[in-house]
Amino acid sequence: MSAEDKAANTGGKLKGKMKETTGKAVGNPRLEAEGKADQVMGDIKQAGEKIKDAGKDILGNP
């Protein structure tokens, strides 16, 4: 996984956590749900990158 992709995915998860926490603090369930969704999307993207890396390892591509 490239460093840029990893950083972007981690940033998305962090952004989601901040939204979720803010939503809880101000009593905004929509913002809280958006934060949870952002975190899930970050996890999904990171999993996709890991699958691509595994495919490269199997095929012997750099």
PDB file of N, CA and C in Angstrom:
ATOM      1  N   MET A   1       0.857  -1.167   0.000  1.00  0.00           N
ATOM      2  CA  MET A   1       0.000   0.000   0.000  1.00  0.00           C
ATOM      3  C   MET A   1       0.900   1.225   0.000  1.00  0.00           C
ATOM      4  N   SER A   2       0.577   2.182  -0.846  1.00  0.00           N
ATOM      5  CA  SER A   2       1.402   3.379  -0.903  1.00  0.00           C
ATOM      6  C   SER A   2       1.182   4.218   0.354  1.00  0.00           C
ATOM      7  N   ALA A   3       2.197   4.956   0.699  1.00  0.00           N
ATOM      8  CA  ALA A   3       2.128   5.781   1.902  1.00  0.00           C
ATOM      9  C   ALA A   3       1.028   6.828   1.788  1.00  0.00           C
ATOM     10  N   GLU A   4       0.827   7.357   0.569  1.00  0.00           N
ATOM     11  CA  GLU A   4      -0.202   8.371   0.383  1.00  0.00           C
ATOM     12  C   GLU A   4      -1.599   7.793   0.619  1.00  0.00           C
ATOM     13  N   ASP A   5      -1.841   6.600   0.080  1.00  0.00           N
ATOM     14  CA  ASP A   5      -3.146   5.964   0.265  1.00  0.00           C
ATOM     15  C   ASP A   5      -3.391   5.645   1.731  1.00  0.00           C
ATOM     16  N   LYS A   6      -2.370   5.136   2.386  1.00  0.00           N
ATOM     17  CA  LYS A   6      -2.499   4.785   3.795  1.00  0.00           C
ATOM     18  C   LYS A   6      -2.804   6.032   4.628  1.00  0.00           C
ATOM     19  N   ALA A   7      -2.101   7.120   4.342  1.00  0.00           N
ATOM     20  CA  ALA A   7      -2.337   8.367   5.071  1.00  0.00           C
ATOM     21  C   ALA A   7      -3.740   8.904   4.807  1.00  0.00           C
ATOM     22  N   ALA A   8      -4.186   8.824   3.571  1.00  0.00           N
ATOM     23  CA  ALA A   8      -5.526   9.309   3.230  1.00  0.00           C
ATOM     24  C   ALA A   8      -6.599   8.485   3.933  1.00  0.00           C
ATOM     25  N   ASN A   9      -6.428   7.171   3.970  1.00  0.00           N
ATOM     26  CA  ASN A   9      -7.404   6.307   4.631  1.00  0.00           C
ATOM     27  C   ASN A   9      -7.423   6.568   6.135  1.00  0.00           C
ATOM     28  N   THR A  10      -6.254   6.747   6.719  1.00  0.00           N
ATOM     29  CA  THR A  10      -6.175   7.031   8.146  1.00  0.00           C
ATOM     30  C   THR A  10      -6.789   8.398   8.438  1.00  0.00           C
ATOM     31  N   GLY A  11      -6.549   9.356   7.543  1.00  0.00           N
ATOM     32  CA  GLY A  11      -7.149  10.681   7.699  1.00  0.00           C
ATOM     33  C   GLY A  11      -8.662  10.631   7.650  1.00  0.00           C
ATOM     34  N   GLY A  12      -9.190   9.810   6.762  1.00  0.00           N
ATOM     35  CA  GLY A  12     -10.642   9.652   6.671  1.00  0.00           C
ATOM     36  C   GLY A  12     -11.226   9.049   7.931  1.00  0.00           C
ATOM     37  N   LYS A  13     -10.510   8.083   8.490  1.00  0.00           N
ATOM     38  CA  LYS A  13     -10.976   7.470   9.736  1.00  0.00           C
ATOM     39  C   LYS A  13     -10.925   8.476  10.887  1.00  0.00           C
ATOM     40  N   LEU A  14      -9.860   9.277  10.931  1.00  0.00           N
ATOM     41  CA  LEU A  14      -9.723  10.281  11.985  1.00  0.00           C
ATOM     42  C   LEU A  14     -10.813  11.341  11.858  1.00  0.00           C
ATOM     43  N   LYS A  15     -11.070  11.776  10.631  1.00  0.00           N
ATOM     44  CA  LYS A  15     -12.128  12.756  10.380  1.00  0.00           C
ATOM     45  C   LYS A  15     -13.470  12.200  10.858  1.00  0.00           C
ATOM     46  N   GLY A  16     -13.703  10.923  10.575  1.00  0.00           N
ATOM     47  CA  GLY A  16     -14.942  10.284  10.997  1.00  0.00           C
ATOM     48  C   GLY A  16     -15.067  10.213  12.504  1.00  0.00           C
ATOM     49  N   LYS A  17     -13.974   9.908  13.178  1.00  0.00           N
ATOM     50  CA  LYS A  17     -13.994   9.831  14.635  1.00  0.00           C
ATOM     51  C   LYS A  17     -14.293  11.202  15.239  1.00  0.00           C
ATOM     52  N   MET A  18     -13.716  12.243  14.641  1.00  0.00           N
ATOM     53  CA  MET A  18     -13.971  13.601  15.134  1.00  0.00           C
ATOM     54  C   MET A  18     -15.435  13.980  14.924  1.00  0.00           C
ATOM     55  N   LYS A  19     -15.996  13.625  13.765  1.00  0.00           N
ATOM     56  CA  LYS A  19     -17.415  13.915  13.510  1.00  0.00           C
ATOM     57  C   LYS A  19     -18.299  13.173  14.509  1.00  0.00           C
ATOM     58  N   GLU A  20     -17.974  11.896  14.721  1.00  0.00           N
ATOM     59  CA  GLU A  20     -18.781  11.092  15.645  1.00  0.00           C
ATOM     60  C   GLU A  20     -18.742  11.695  17.049  1.00  0.00           C
ATOM     61  N   THR A  21     -17.561  12.048  17.513  1.00  0.00           N
ATOM     62  CA  THR A  21     -17.409  12.620  18.850  1.00  0.00           C
ATOM     63  C   THR A  21     -18.139  13.953  18.968  1.00  0.00           C
ATOM     64  N   THR A  22     -18.020  14.784  17.939  1.00  0.00           N
ATOM     65  CA  THR A  22     -18.704  16.073  17.941  1.00  0.00           C
ATOM     66  C   THR A  22     -20.217  15.869  17.946  1.00  0.00           C
ATOM     67  N   GLY A  23     -20.681  14.930  17.139  1.00  0.00           N
ATOM     68  CA  GLY A  23     -22.114  14.641  17.101  1.00  0.00           C
ATOM     69  C   GLY A  23     -22.649  14.195  18.444  1.00  0.00           C
ATOM     70  N   LYS A  24     -21.885  13.356  19.140  1.00  0.00           N
ATOM     71  CA  LYS A  24     -22.295  12.919  20.481  1.00  0.00           C
ATOM     72  C   LYS A  24     -22.317  14.099  21.444  1.00  0.00           C
ATOM     73  N   ALA A  25     -21.287  14.954  21.365  1.00  0.00           N
ATOM     74  CA  ALA A  25     -21.162  16.066  22.301  1.00  0.00           C
ATOM     75  C   ALA A  25     -22.291  17.087  22.158  1.00  0.00           C
ATOM     76  N   VAL A  26     -22.711  17.339  20.921  1.00  0.00           N
ATOM     77  CA  VAL A  26     -23.748  18.352  20.704  1.00  0.00           C
ATOM     78  C   VAL A  26     -25.133  17.748  20.540  1.00  0.00           C
ATOM     79  N   GLY A  27     -25.225  16.438  20.633  1.00  0.00           N
ATOM     80  CA  GLY A  27     -26.526  15.783  20.523  1.00  0.00           C
ATOM     81  C   GLY A  27     -27.072  15.765  19.108  1.00  0.00           C
ATOM     82  N   ASN A  28     -26.174  15.600  18.124  1.00  0.00           N
ATOM     83  CA  ASN A  28     -26.586  15.590  16.721  1.00  0.00           C
ATOM     84  C   ASN A  28     -26.412  14.171  16.175  1.00  0.00           C
ATOM     85  N   PRO A  29     -27.474  13.378  16.139  1.00  0.00           N
ATOM     86  CA  PRO A  29     -27.347  11.990  15.686  1.00  0.00           C
ATOM     87  C   PRO A  29     -26.936  11.867  14.219  1.00  0.00           C
ATOM     88  N   ARG A  30     -27.303  12.841  13.398  1.00  0.00           N
ATOM     89  CA  ARG A  30     -26.921  12.787  11.978  1.00  0.00           C
ATOM     90  C   ARG A  30     -25.410  12.924  11.832  1.00  0.00           C
ATOM     91  N   LEU A  31     -24.821  13.878  12.525  1.00  0.00           N
ATOM     92  CA  LEU A  31     -23.375  14.087  12.473  1.00  0.00           C
ATOM     93  C   LEU A  31     -22.646  12.862  13.041  1.00  0.00           C
ATOM     94  N   GLU A  32     -23.181  12.299  14.089  1.00  0.00           N
ATOM     95  CA  GLU A  32     -22.606  11.094  14.690  1.00  0.00           C
ATOM     96  C   GLU A  32     -22.627   9.938  13.686  1.00  0.00           C
ATOM     97  N   ALA A  33     -23.741   9.774  12.987  1.00  0.00           N
ATOM     98  CA  ALA A  33     -23.861   8.702  11.994  1.00  0.00           C
ATOM     99  C   ALA A  33     -22.918   8.930  10.816  1.00  0.00           C
ATOM    100  N   GLU A  34     -22.784  10.189  10.383  1.00  0.00           N
ATOM    101  CA  GLU A  34     -21.852  10.497   9.297  1.00  0.00           C
ATOM    102  C   GLU A  34     -20.425  10.134   9.700  1.00  0.00           C
ATOM    103  N   GLY A  35     -20.081  10.413  10.944  1.00  0.00           N
ATOM    104  CA  GLY A  35     -18.753  10.078  11.438  1.00  0.00           C
ATOM    105  C   GLY A  35     -18.501   8.583  11.421  1.00  0.00           C
ATOM    106  N   LYS A  36     -19.487   7.828  11.849  1.00  0.00           N
ATOM    107  CA  LYS A  36     -19.341   6.368  11.827  1.00  0.00           C
ATOM    108  C   LYS A  36     -19.191   5.868  10.388  1.00  0.00           C
ATOM    109  N   ALA A  37     -19.958   6.456   9.475  1.00  0.00           N
ATOM    110  CA  ALA A  37     -19.877   6.056   8.068  1.00  0.00           C
ATOM    111  C   ALA A  37     -18.501   6.384   7.484  1.00  0.00           C
ATOM    112  N   ASP A  38     -17.953   7.542   7.839  1.00  0.00           N
ATOM    113  CA  ASP A  38     -16.612   7.913   7.360  1.00  0.00           C
ATOM    114  C   ASP A  38     -15.564   6.913   7.850  1.00  0.00           C
ATOM    115  N   GLN A  39     -15.716   6.472   9.087  1.00  0.00           N
ATOM    116  CA  GLN A  39     -14.773   5.503   9.634  1.00  0.00           C
ATOM    117  C   GLN A  39     -14.858   4.167   8.897  1.00  0.00           C
ATOM    118  N   VAL A  40     -16.068   3.744   8.608  1.00  0.00           N
ATOM    119  CA  VAL A  40     -16.257   2.490   7.880  1.00  0.00           C
ATOM    120  C   VAL A  40     -15.661   2.591   6.476  1.00  0.00           C
ATOM    121  N   MET A  41     -15.870   3.723   5.814  1.00  0.00           N
ATOM    122  CA  MET A  41     -15.313   3.909   4.468  1.00  0.00           C
ATOM    123  C   MET A  41     -13.786   3.872   4.503  1.00  0.00           C
ATOM    124  N   GLY A  42     -13.189   4.461   5.529  1.00  0.00           N
ATOM    125  CA  GLY A  42     -11.738   4.405   5.672  1.00  0.00           C
ATOM    126  C   GLY A  42     -11.262   2.977   5.834  1.00  0.00           C
ATOM    127  N   ASP A  43     -11.983   2.194   6.626  1.00  0.00           N
ATOM    128  CA  ASP A  43     -11.626   0.781   6.812  1.00  0.00           C
ATOM    129  C   ASP A  43     -11.752   0.002   5.509  1.00  0.00           C
ATOM    130  N   ILE A  44     -12.818   0.258   4.763  1.00  0.00           N
ATOM    131  CA  ILE A  44     -13.042  -0.454   3.503  1.00  0.00           C
ATOM    132  C   ILE A  44     -11.945  -0.119   2.496  1.00  0.00           C
ATOM    133  N   LYS A  45     -11.602   1.153   2.401  1.00  0.00           N
ATOM    134  CA  LYS A  45     -10.545   1.563   1.469  1.00  0.00           C
ATOM    135  C   LYS A  45      -9.209   0.945   1.858  1.00  0.00           C
ATOM    136  N   GLN A  46      -8.941   0.892   3.158  1.00  0.00           N
ATOM    137  CA  GLN A  46      -7.688   0.307   3.605  1.00  0.00           C
ATOM    138  C   GLN A  46      -7.657  -1.194   3.292  1.00  0.00           C
ATOM    139  N   ALA A  47      -8.780  -1.861   3.449  1.00  0.00           N
ATOM    140  CA  ALA A  47      -8.850  -3.284   3.119  1.00  0.00           C
ATOM    141  C   ALA A  47      -8.616  -3.496   1.627  1.00  0.00           C
ATOM    142  N   GLY A  48      -9.168  -2.622   0.801  1.00  0.00           N
ATOM    143  CA  GLY A  48      -8.955  -2.716  -0.643  1.00  0.00           C
ATOM    144  C   GLY A  48      -7.492  -2.559  -1.007  1.00  0.00           C
ATOM    145  N   GLU A  49      -6.806  -1.639  -0.350  1.00  0.00           N
ATOM    146  CA  GLU A  49      -5.377  -1.453  -0.602  1.00  0.00           C
ATOM    147  C   GLU A  49      -4.576  -2.689  -0.192  1.00  0.00           C
ATOM    148  N   LYS A  50      -4.975  -3.305   0.906  1.00  0.00           N
ATOM    149  CA  LYS A  50      -4.278  -4.513   1.354  1.00  0.00           C
ATOM    150  C   LYS A  50      -4.481  -5.658   0.364  1.00  0.00           C
ATOM    151  N   ILE A  51      -5.672  -5.745  -0.210  1.00  0.00           N
ATOM    152  CA  ILE A  51      -5.946  -6.779  -1.214  1.00  0.00           C
ATOM    153  C   ILE A  51      -5.090  -6.538  -2.450  1.00  0.00           C
ATOM    154  N   LYS A  52      -4.981  -5.278  -2.877  1.00  0.00           N
ATOM    155  CA  LYS A  52      -4.133  -4.968  -4.029  1.00  0.00           C
ATOM    156  C   LYS A  52      -2.685  -5.341  -3.744  1.00  0.00           C
ATOM    157  N   ASP A  53      -2.202  -5.042  -2.537  1.00  0.00           N
ATOM    158  CA  ASP A  53      -0.828  -5.390  -2.169  1.00  0.00           C
ATOM    159  C   ASP A  53      -0.621  -6.904  -2.175  1.00  0.00           C
ATOM    160  N   ALA A  54      -1.611  -7.634  -1.668  1.00  0.00           N
ATOM    161  CA  ALA A  54      -1.504  -9.091  -1.653  1.00  0.00           C
ATOM    162  C   ALA A  54      -1.453  -9.633  -3.069  1.00  0.00           C
ATOM    163  N   GLY A  55      -2.247  -9.070  -3.964  1.00  0.00           N
ATOM    164  CA  GLY A  55      -2.229  -9.500  -5.360  1.00  0.00           C
ATOM    165  C   GLY A  55      -0.890  -9.238  -6.010  1.00  0.00           C
ATOM    166  N   LYS A  56      -0.289  -8.100  -5.703  1.00  0.00           N
ATOM    167  CA  LYS A  56       1.034  -7.786  -6.235  1.00  0.00           C
ATOM    168  C   LYS A  56       2.075  -8.778  -5.713  1.00  0.00           C
ATOM    169  N   ASP A  57       1.971  -9.142  -4.442  1.00  0.00           N
ATOM    170  CA  ASP A  57       2.919 -10.097  -3.861  1.00  0.00           C
ATOM    171  C   ASP A  57       2.784 -11.467  -4.525  1.00  0.00           C
ATOM    172  N   ILE A  58       1.555 -11.874  -4.773  1.00  0.00           N
ATOM    173  CA  ILE A  58       1.329 -13.179  -5.396  1.00  0.00           C
ATOM    174  C   ILE A  58       1.869 -13.190  -6.836  1.00  0.00           C
ATOM    175  N   LEU A  59       1.634 -12.115  -7.552  1.00  0.00           N
ATOM    176  CA  LEU A  59       2.063 -12.034  -8.943  1.00  0.00           C
ATOM    177  C   LEU A  59       3.538 -11.670  -9.080  1.00  0.00           C
ATOM    178  N   GLY A  60       4.153 -11.250  -7.985  1.00  0.00           N
ATOM    179  CA  GLY A  60       5.560 -10.898  -8.014  1.00  0.00           C
ATOM    180  C   GLY A  60       5.825  -9.526  -8.606  1.00  0.00           C
ATOM    181  N   ASN A  61       4.804  -8.674  -8.629  1.00  0.00           N
ATOM    182  CA  ASN A  61       4.986  -7.313  -9.136  1.00  0.00           C
ATOM    183  C   ASN A  61       5.487  -6.410  -8.029  1.00  0.00           C
ATOM    184  N   PRO A  62       6.324  -5.446  -8.356  1.00  0.00           N
ATOM    185  CA  PRO A  62       6.816  -4.522  -7.322  1.00  0.00           C
ATOM    186  C   PRO A  62       5.767  -3.539  -6.879  1.00  0.00           C
TER     187      PRO A  62
END
